[in-house]
């Protein structure tokens, strides 16, 4: 729900060509588990290494999603999972439970279906095709940093 940029081009393309898409991180890399709240202690160990887990803009969106989940009578994790698999372009989602209790909880919510109204309200908070804010990955592969790795050498660029 926090990173919907995939809806801009990837999912429509996959649907058009009948391709399956397995997405990862439906819980916002931990933000949509309810463990990170505004003004609260962040008990995720990796938060000290990943800025997106303490980004106020992302946490503000989580704070707007929590009441929606409560109103629907769902844990935030079930809302996030149901939202992810509601998209017709998503074939499967990698959940990555850390414990058997996590897995049992997620499996209990596997049959959740969200109403059109609830999906529309999520769209108002995070518009389709947008990211909140763009996920700041600390790792930038060399191909993004070095132009020579993503360009043919001069003299070898001709199409003829």
N, C-alpha and C. Protein backbone atom coordinates (compact mmCIF):
# COMPACT_ATOMS: atom_id res chain seq x y z
N UNK A 1 0.81 -1.20 0.00
CA UNK A 1 0.00 0.00 0.00
C UNK A 1 0.85 1.26 0.00
N UNK A 2 2.09 1.17 0.45
CA UNK A 2 2.96 2.33 0.51
C UNK A 2 3.73 2.55 -0.78
N UNK A 3 3.96 1.49 -1.53
CA UNK A 3 4.72 1.57 -2.78
C UNK A 3 3.89 1.01 -3.91
N UNK A 4 3.17 1.90 -4.56
CA UNK A 4 2.25 1.49 -5.61
C UNK A 4 2.74 1.86 -7.00
N UNK A 5 4.01 2.22 -7.12
CA UNK A 5 4.56 2.58 -8.42
C UNK A 5 4.45 1.46 -9.44
N UNK A 6 4.43 0.22 -8.97
CA UNK A 6 4.32 -0.95 -9.85
C UNK A 6 3.02 -0.93 -10.65
N UNK A 7 2.01 -0.24 -10.12
CA UNK A 7 0.72 -0.17 -10.81
C UNK A 7 0.76 0.72 -12.04
N UNK A 8 1.79 1.54 -12.14
CA UNK A 8 1.89 2.48 -13.25
C UNK A 8 2.14 1.77 -14.57
N UNK A 9 3.09 0.84 -14.61
CA UNK A 9 3.44 0.20 -15.87
C UNK A 9 3.60 -1.31 -15.77
N UNK A 10 4.18 -1.79 -14.69
CA UNK A 10 4.52 -3.21 -14.59
C UNK A 10 3.27 -4.09 -14.57
N UNK A 11 2.34 -3.81 -13.66
CA UNK A 11 1.15 -4.66 -13.56
C UNK A 11 0.27 -4.61 -14.81
N UNK A 12 0.03 -3.42 -15.40
CA UNK A 12 -0.76 -3.41 -16.64
C UNK A 12 -0.10 -4.21 -17.77
N UNK A 13 1.23 -4.12 -17.88
CA UNK A 13 1.96 -4.86 -18.91
C UNK A 13 1.82 -6.37 -18.67
N UNK A 14 2.00 -6.77 -17.43
CA UNK A 14 1.89 -8.20 -17.10
C UNK A 14 0.48 -8.71 -17.40
N UNK A 15 -0.52 -7.91 -17.09
CA UNK A 15 -1.90 -8.32 -17.39
C UNK A 15 -2.12 -8.44 -18.89
N UNK A 16 -1.61 -7.47 -19.62
CA UNK A 16 -1.81 -7.47 -21.08
C UNK A 16 -1.21 -8.72 -21.72
N UNK A 17 -0.07 -9.17 -21.23
CA UNK A 17 0.62 -10.30 -21.83
C UNK A 17 0.42 -11.60 -21.06
N UNK A 18 -0.49 -11.61 -20.09
CA UNK A 18 -0.80 -12.84 -19.36
C UNK A 18 0.33 -13.36 -18.50
N UNK A 19 1.15 -12.45 -17.99
CA UNK A 19 2.29 -12.84 -17.16
C UNK A 19 1.89 -12.82 -15.69
N UNK A 20 2.47 -13.72 -14.92
CA UNK A 20 2.26 -13.72 -13.48
C UNK A 20 3.23 -12.76 -12.80
N UNK A 21 2.79 -12.17 -11.71
CA UNK A 21 3.64 -11.26 -10.95
C UNK A 21 3.59 -11.67 -9.48
N UNK A 22 4.78 -11.95 -8.93
CA UNK A 22 4.90 -12.24 -7.51
C UNK A 22 5.54 -11.01 -6.86
N UNK A 23 4.79 -10.36 -5.99
CA UNK A 23 5.29 -9.14 -5.36
C UNK A 23 5.86 -9.47 -3.99
N UNK A 24 6.72 -8.59 -3.50
CA UNK A 24 7.30 -8.78 -2.17
C UNK A 24 7.02 -7.53 -1.34
N UNK A 25 7.09 -7.69 -0.05
CA UNK A 25 6.96 -6.56 0.86
C UNK A 25 5.56 -6.00 1.02
N UNK A 26 4.52 -6.84 1.06
CA UNK A 26 3.17 -6.28 1.22
C UNK A 26 2.96 -5.58 2.56
N UNK A 27 3.87 -5.77 3.50
CA UNK A 27 3.75 -5.13 4.80
C UNK A 27 4.68 -3.92 4.92
N UNK A 28 5.07 -3.36 3.78
CA UNK A 28 5.88 -2.16 3.78
C UNK A 28 7.19 -2.33 4.52
N UNK A 29 7.81 -3.50 4.35
CA UNK A 29 9.07 -3.83 5.00
C UNK A 29 8.97 -3.65 6.52
N UNK A 30 7.77 -3.91 7.07
CA UNK A 30 7.56 -3.87 8.50
C UNK A 30 6.67 -2.74 8.98
N UNK A 31 6.50 -1.69 8.16
CA UNK A 31 5.69 -0.56 8.59
C UNK A 31 4.21 -0.91 8.73
N UNK A 32 3.73 -1.85 7.93
CA UNK A 32 2.30 -2.19 7.96
C UNK A 32 2.00 -3.38 8.87
N UNK A 33 2.86 -3.60 9.83
CA UNK A 33 2.60 -4.65 10.82
C UNK A 33 1.98 -4.06 12.08
N UNK A 34 2.01 -2.74 12.19
CA UNK A 34 1.52 -2.08 13.39
C UNK A 34 2.59 -1.89 14.45
N UNK A 35 3.79 -2.36 14.17
CA UNK A 35 4.88 -2.25 15.16
C UNK A 35 5.54 -0.89 15.15
N UNK A 36 5.31 -0.11 14.10
CA UNK A 36 5.90 1.22 14.01
C UNK A 36 4.76 2.23 14.02
N UNK A 37 4.71 3.04 15.05
CA UNK A 37 3.64 4.04 15.19
C UNK A 37 4.26 5.40 15.49
N UNK A 38 3.54 6.42 15.12
CA UNK A 38 4.03 7.78 15.36
C UNK A 38 4.13 8.03 16.87
N UNK A 39 5.27 8.55 17.27
CA UNK A 39 5.49 8.88 18.66
C UNK A 39 5.79 7.68 19.54
N UNK A 40 5.81 6.49 18.96
CA UNK A 40 6.09 5.29 19.74
C UNK A 40 7.49 4.80 19.51
N UNK A 41 7.90 3.87 20.31
CA UNK A 41 9.20 3.24 20.12
C UNK A 41 9.14 2.34 18.90
N UNK A 42 10.18 2.36 18.12
CA UNK A 42 10.29 1.50 16.96
C UNK A 42 11.13 0.30 17.36
N UNK A 43 10.49 -0.87 17.50
CA UNK A 43 11.22 -2.04 17.98
C UNK A 43 11.78 -2.92 16.86
N UNK A 44 11.69 -2.44 15.63
CA UNK A 44 12.27 -3.21 14.52
C UNK A 44 13.79 -3.00 14.53
N UNK A 45 14.52 -4.09 14.68
CA UNK A 45 15.98 -4.01 14.79
C UNK A 45 16.62 -3.36 13.57
N UNK A 46 16.07 -3.61 12.41
CA UNK A 46 16.69 -3.09 11.19
C UNK A 46 16.38 -1.60 10.98
N UNK A 47 15.55 -1.00 11.83
CA UNK A 47 15.19 0.41 11.68
C UNK A 47 16.41 1.32 11.78
N UNK A 48 17.41 0.90 12.54
CA UNK A 48 18.61 1.73 12.67
C UNK A 48 19.42 1.76 11.38
N UNK A 49 19.17 0.82 10.47
CA UNK A 49 19.91 0.76 9.21
C UNK A 49 19.08 1.22 8.01
N UNK A 50 17.76 1.21 8.13
CA UNK A 50 16.88 1.52 7.00
C UNK A 50 16.05 2.76 7.31
N UNK A 51 16.36 3.83 6.62
CA UNK A 51 15.68 5.11 6.87
C UNK A 51 14.18 5.05 6.63
N UNK A 52 13.73 4.20 5.72
CA UNK A 52 12.29 4.18 5.41
C UNK A 52 11.45 3.73 6.60
N UNK A 53 12.06 3.06 7.58
CA UNK A 53 11.32 2.60 8.76
C UNK A 53 11.15 3.69 9.81
N UNK A 54 11.76 4.84 9.59
CA UNK A 54 11.57 5.95 10.51
C UNK A 54 11.19 7.23 9.77
N UNK A 55 10.84 7.10 8.50
CA UNK A 55 10.45 8.24 7.68
C UNK A 55 9.07 8.73 8.11
N UNK A 56 9.00 9.98 8.56
CA UNK A 56 7.74 10.53 9.05
C UNK A 56 6.63 10.51 8.01
N UNK A 57 6.97 10.73 6.74
CA UNK A 57 5.94 10.73 5.70
C UNK A 57 5.30 9.35 5.57
N UNK A 58 6.10 8.30 5.66
CA UNK A 58 5.56 6.95 5.57
C UNK A 58 4.76 6.60 6.84
N UNK A 59 5.29 6.99 7.97
CA UNK A 59 4.59 6.70 9.23
C UNK A 59 3.27 7.46 9.29
N UNK A 60 3.22 8.69 8.76
CA UNK A 60 1.96 9.44 8.72
C UNK A 60 0.90 8.69 7.90
N UNK A 61 1.31 8.07 6.81
CA UNK A 61 0.36 7.29 6.00
C UNK A 61 -0.11 6.07 6.78
N UNK A 62 0.80 5.42 7.47
CA UNK A 62 0.42 4.27 8.30
C UNK A 62 -0.63 4.70 9.32
N UNK A 63 -0.42 5.87 9.92
CA UNK A 63 -1.37 6.37 10.92
C UNK A 63 -2.75 6.61 10.32
N UNK A 64 -2.82 6.90 9.03
CA UNK A 64 -4.12 7.07 8.36
C UNK A 64 -4.74 5.73 7.99
N UNK A 65 -3.91 4.70 7.82
CA UNK A 65 -4.42 3.38 7.46
C UNK A 65 -4.90 2.59 8.67
N UNK A 66 -4.31 2.84 9.83
CA UNK A 66 -4.68 2.10 11.04
C UNK A 66 -6.17 2.21 11.34
N UNK A 67 -6.78 3.41 11.31
CA UNK A 67 -8.22 3.50 11.58
C UNK A 67 -9.08 2.76 10.54
N UNK A 68 -8.61 2.72 9.29
CA UNK A 68 -9.36 1.98 8.26
C UNK A 68 -9.40 0.49 8.61
N UNK A 69 -8.25 -0.03 9.02
CA UNK A 69 -8.20 -1.45 9.40
C UNK A 69 -9.10 -1.70 10.59
N UNK A 70 -9.03 -0.82 11.59
CA UNK A 70 -9.86 -0.97 12.79
C UNK A 70 -11.34 -0.94 12.43
N UNK A 71 -11.71 0.02 11.59
CA UNK A 71 -13.11 0.16 11.17
C UNK A 71 -13.60 -1.09 10.44
N UNK A 72 -12.70 -1.72 9.68
CA UNK A 72 -13.05 -2.94 8.95
C UNK A 72 -12.98 -4.18 9.85
N UNK A 73 -12.51 -3.99 11.08
CA UNK A 73 -12.39 -5.12 12.00
C UNK A 73 -11.25 -6.06 11.65
N UNK A 74 -10.18 -5.48 11.09
CA UNK A 74 -9.05 -6.29 10.63
C UNK A 74 -7.75 -5.82 11.27
N UNK A 75 -6.83 -6.75 11.51
CA UNK A 75 -5.47 -6.32 11.83
C UNK A 75 -4.88 -5.62 10.61
N UNK A 76 -3.98 -4.70 10.83
CA UNK A 76 -3.36 -3.98 9.72
C UNK A 76 -2.68 -4.93 8.74
N UNK A 77 -2.10 -6.03 9.24
CA UNK A 77 -1.45 -6.99 8.34
C UNK A 77 -2.46 -7.63 7.39
N UNK A 78 -3.65 -7.92 7.88
CA UNK A 78 -4.66 -8.52 7.01
C UNK A 78 -5.16 -7.52 5.96
N UNK A 79 -5.29 -6.26 6.37
CA UNK A 79 -5.67 -5.22 5.42
C UNK A 79 -4.62 -5.11 4.32
N UNK A 80 -3.35 -5.08 4.71
CA UNK A 80 -2.27 -4.94 3.73
C UNK A 80 -2.21 -6.14 2.79
N UNK A 81 -2.37 -7.34 3.34
CA UNK A 81 -2.32 -8.53 2.50
C UNK A 81 -3.51 -8.57 1.54
N UNK A 82 -4.70 -8.30 2.05
CA UNK A 82 -5.89 -8.33 1.21
C UNK A 82 -5.83 -7.26 0.12
N UNK A 83 -5.28 -6.10 0.47
CA UNK A 83 -5.13 -5.04 -0.52
C UNK A 83 -4.19 -5.48 -1.64
N UNK A 84 -3.09 -6.09 -1.26
CA UNK A 84 -2.09 -6.51 -2.24
C UNK A 84 -2.65 -7.52 -3.23
N UNK A 85 -3.35 -8.51 -2.73
CA UNK A 85 -3.85 -9.55 -3.64
C UNK A 85 -5.17 -9.18 -4.30
N UNK A 86 -5.73 -8.01 -3.96
CA UNK A 86 -6.95 -7.55 -4.62
C UNK A 86 -6.68 -7.08 -6.05
N UNK A 87 -5.43 -6.71 -6.33
CA UNK A 87 -5.10 -6.22 -7.68
C UNK A 87 -5.07 -7.39 -8.65
N UNK A 88 -5.79 -7.30 -9.76
CA UNK A 88 -5.84 -8.42 -10.70
C UNK A 88 -4.51 -8.75 -11.37
N UNK A 89 -3.56 -7.83 -11.31
CA UNK A 89 -2.24 -8.09 -11.89
C UNK A 89 -1.28 -8.81 -10.96
N UNK A 90 -1.68 -8.97 -9.70
CA UNK A 90 -0.82 -9.64 -8.72
C UNK A 90 -1.22 -11.10 -8.64
N UNK A 91 -0.28 -11.98 -8.96
CA UNK A 91 -0.53 -13.42 -8.92
C UNK A 91 -0.32 -13.96 -7.51
N UNK A 92 0.72 -13.50 -6.84
CA UNK A 92 1.05 -13.98 -5.49
C UNK A 92 1.86 -12.91 -4.78
N UNK A 93 1.83 -12.99 -3.44
CA UNK A 93 2.62 -12.06 -2.63
C UNK A 93 3.49 -12.85 -1.68
N UNK A 94 4.76 -12.47 -1.61
CA UNK A 94 5.68 -13.08 -0.65
C UNK A 94 5.46 -12.41 0.70
N UNK A 95 5.08 -13.19 1.68
CA UNK A 95 4.73 -12.63 2.98
C UNK A 95 5.90 -12.58 3.93
N UNK A 96 6.75 -13.58 3.95
CA UNK A 96 7.95 -13.58 4.78
C UNK A 96 7.71 -13.56 6.27
N UNK A 97 6.84 -14.44 6.79
CA UNK A 97 6.67 -14.47 8.24
C UNK A 97 7.96 -14.91 8.91
N UNK A 98 8.21 -14.34 10.07
CA UNK A 98 9.43 -14.65 10.81
C UNK A 98 9.22 -15.80 11.78
N UNK A 99 7.98 -15.97 12.25
CA UNK A 99 7.70 -17.03 13.23
C UNK A 99 6.46 -17.82 12.80
N UNK A 100 6.24 -18.95 13.44
CA UNK A 100 5.04 -19.73 13.15
C UNK A 100 3.78 -18.95 13.55
N UNK A 101 3.85 -18.17 14.63
CA UNK A 101 2.70 -17.36 15.03
C UNK A 101 2.35 -16.34 13.94
N UNK A 102 3.39 -15.73 13.35
CA UNK A 102 3.15 -14.80 12.25
C UNK A 102 2.46 -15.52 11.09
N UNK A 103 2.97 -16.69 10.74
CA UNK A 103 2.38 -17.45 9.64
C UNK A 103 0.93 -17.82 9.94
N UNK A 104 0.67 -18.31 11.14
CA UNK A 104 -0.70 -18.68 11.52
C UNK A 104 -1.64 -17.48 11.41
N UNK A 105 -1.18 -16.31 11.87
CA UNK A 105 -1.99 -15.10 11.80
C UNK A 105 -2.28 -14.72 10.35
N UNK A 106 -1.25 -14.77 9.52
CA UNK A 106 -1.43 -14.39 8.11
C UNK A 106 -2.34 -15.37 7.38
N UNK A 107 -2.19 -16.64 7.67
CA UNK A 107 -3.06 -17.64 7.04
C UNK A 107 -4.52 -17.45 7.47
N UNK A 108 -4.73 -17.02 8.71
CA UNK A 108 -6.09 -16.77 9.20
C UNK A 108 -6.74 -15.63 8.42
N UNK A 109 -5.94 -14.72 7.88
CA UNK A 109 -6.49 -13.61 7.12
C UNK A 109 -6.47 -13.81 5.62
N UNK A 110 -6.13 -15.01 5.18
CA UNK A 110 -5.98 -15.25 3.74
C UNK A 110 -7.27 -15.07 2.95
N UNK A 111 -8.40 -15.28 3.58
CA UNK A 111 -9.68 -15.18 2.87
C UNK A 111 -10.32 -13.81 2.93
N UNK A 112 -9.63 -12.82 3.48
CA UNK A 112 -10.21 -11.49 3.61
C UNK A 112 -10.39 -10.84 2.25
N UNK A 113 -11.59 -10.30 2.03
CA UNK A 113 -11.86 -9.53 0.81
C UNK A 113 -12.27 -8.13 1.23
N UNK A 114 -11.68 -7.14 0.63
CA UNK A 114 -11.97 -5.75 0.97
C UNK A 114 -13.10 -5.21 0.10
N UNK A 115 -13.95 -4.38 0.68
CA UNK A 115 -15.05 -3.78 -0.07
C UNK A 115 -14.51 -2.73 -1.03
N UNK A 116 -15.31 -2.40 -2.03
CA UNK A 116 -14.92 -1.35 -2.99
C UNK A 116 -14.72 -0.04 -2.26
N UNK A 117 -15.59 0.25 -1.28
CA UNK A 117 -15.47 1.49 -0.52
C UNK A 117 -14.13 1.56 0.21
N UNK A 118 -13.75 0.48 0.85
CA UNK A 118 -12.48 0.46 1.58
C UNK A 118 -11.30 0.61 0.62
N UNK A 119 -11.36 -0.07 -0.52
CA UNK A 119 -10.29 0.07 -1.52
C UNK A 119 -10.21 1.51 -2.03
N UNK A 120 -11.36 2.15 -2.22
CA UNK A 120 -11.39 3.55 -2.66
C UNK A 120 -10.77 4.46 -1.61
N UNK A 121 -11.04 4.18 -0.35
CA UNK A 121 -10.49 5.00 0.74
C UNK A 121 -8.97 4.83 0.82
N UNK A 122 -8.47 3.64 0.57
CA UNK A 122 -7.02 3.44 0.52
C UNK A 122 -6.43 4.22 -0.66
N UNK A 123 -7.13 4.18 -1.81
CA UNK A 123 -6.68 4.95 -2.98
C UNK A 123 -6.59 6.44 -2.68
N UNK A 124 -7.47 6.95 -1.83
CA UNK A 124 -7.42 8.37 -1.47
C UNK A 124 -6.18 8.68 -0.64
N UNK A 125 -5.76 7.73 0.20
CA UNK A 125 -4.60 7.94 1.05
C UNK A 125 -3.31 7.78 0.26
N UNK A 126 -3.23 6.73 -0.55
CA UNK A 126 -2.07 6.49 -1.41
C UNK A 126 -2.61 6.28 -2.83
N UNK A 127 -2.56 7.32 -3.66
CA UNK A 127 -3.10 7.19 -5.01
C UNK A 127 -2.41 6.09 -5.80
N UNK A 128 -3.18 5.39 -6.65
CA UNK A 128 -2.59 4.33 -7.49
C UNK A 128 -1.40 4.86 -8.29
N UNK A 129 -0.36 4.04 -8.37
CA UNK A 129 0.81 4.38 -9.16
C UNK A 129 1.81 5.29 -8.46
N UNK A 130 1.60 5.55 -7.17
CA UNK A 130 2.51 6.43 -6.44
C UNK A 130 3.20 5.67 -5.31
N UNK A 131 4.30 6.22 -4.85
CA UNK A 131 5.03 5.67 -3.71
C UNK A 131 5.07 6.74 -2.61
N UNK A 132 5.10 6.31 -1.37
CA UNK A 132 5.08 7.24 -0.24
C UNK A 132 6.34 7.12 0.56
N UNK A 133 7.20 8.09 0.58
CA UNK A 133 7.75 8.67 -0.64
C UNK A 133 8.49 7.57 -1.38
N UNK A 134 9.10 7.86 -2.47
CA UNK A 134 9.83 6.78 -3.15
C UNK A 134 10.73 6.05 -2.16
N UNK A 135 10.68 4.74 -2.20
CA UNK A 135 11.46 3.92 -1.27
C UNK A 135 12.93 4.25 -1.41
N UNK A 136 13.52 4.62 -0.32
CA UNK A 136 14.92 5.02 -0.31
C UNK A 136 15.79 3.80 -0.02
N UNK A 137 16.21 3.17 -1.06
CA UNK A 137 17.08 2.01 -0.90
C UNK A 137 18.50 2.53 -0.73
N UNK A 138 19.14 2.09 0.32
CA UNK A 138 20.50 2.53 0.58
C UNK A 138 21.47 2.03 -0.49
N UNK A 139 21.21 0.85 -1.02
CA UNK A 139 22.10 0.28 -2.02
C UNK A 139 21.77 0.83 -3.40
N UNK A 140 22.74 1.39 -4.06
CA UNK A 140 22.58 1.86 -5.43
C UNK A 140 23.55 1.08 -6.28
N UNK A 141 23.04 0.21 -7.13
CA UNK A 141 23.94 -0.63 -7.93
C UNK A 141 24.82 0.22 -8.85
N UNK A 142 25.99 -0.30 -9.17
CA UNK A 142 26.94 0.44 -10.01
C UNK A 142 26.33 0.90 -11.33
N UNK A 143 25.41 0.14 -11.88
CA UNK A 143 24.83 0.52 -13.16
C UNK A 143 24.07 1.85 -13.05
N UNK A 144 23.61 2.21 -11.87
CA UNK A 144 22.95 3.50 -11.70
C UNK A 144 23.94 4.63 -11.47
N UNK A 145 25.11 4.29 -10.99
CA UNK A 145 26.10 5.30 -10.64
C UNK A 145 27.11 5.56 -11.76
N UNK A 146 27.37 4.57 -12.59
CA UNK A 146 28.39 4.71 -13.63
C UNK A 146 27.76 4.64 -15.02
N UNK A 147 27.77 5.77 -15.70
CA UNK A 147 27.15 5.85 -17.01
C UNK A 147 27.72 4.82 -17.99
N UNK A 148 29.00 4.54 -17.89
CA UNK A 148 29.64 3.61 -18.83
C UNK A 148 29.05 2.20 -18.73
N UNK A 149 28.46 1.86 -17.63
CA UNK A 149 27.88 0.53 -17.47
C UNK A 149 26.49 0.41 -18.09
N UNK A 150 25.87 1.53 -18.41
CA UNK A 150 24.53 1.48 -19.01
C UNK A 150 24.46 2.12 -20.40
N UNK A 151 25.64 2.35 -20.98
CA UNK A 151 25.69 2.94 -22.33
C UNK A 151 26.70 2.19 -23.19
N UNK A 152 26.35 1.99 -24.42
CA UNK A 152 27.32 1.42 -25.36
C UNK A 152 28.42 2.46 -25.60
N UNK A 153 29.63 1.99 -25.85
CA UNK A 153 30.72 2.94 -26.11
C UNK A 153 30.42 3.77 -27.37
N UNK A 154 30.90 5.01 -27.37
CA UNK A 154 30.73 5.89 -28.54
C UNK A 154 31.30 5.15 -29.75
N UNK A 155 30.62 5.27 -30.85
CA UNK A 155 31.04 4.59 -32.06
C UNK A 155 30.34 3.23 -32.23
N UNK A 156 29.69 2.74 -31.19
CA UNK A 156 28.97 1.47 -31.24
C UNK A 156 27.47 1.66 -30.97
N UNK A 157 27.01 2.89 -31.13
CA UNK A 157 25.62 3.20 -30.80
C UNK A 157 24.74 3.29 -32.04
N UNK A 158 25.29 3.19 -33.17
CA UNK A 158 24.54 3.33 -34.40
C UNK A 158 23.56 2.19 -34.58
N UNK A 159 22.40 2.48 -35.13
CA UNK A 159 21.43 1.44 -35.41
C UNK A 159 21.65 0.82 -36.78
N UNK A 160 22.50 1.43 -37.59
CA UNK A 160 22.74 0.91 -38.93
C UNK A 160 23.97 0.05 -38.97
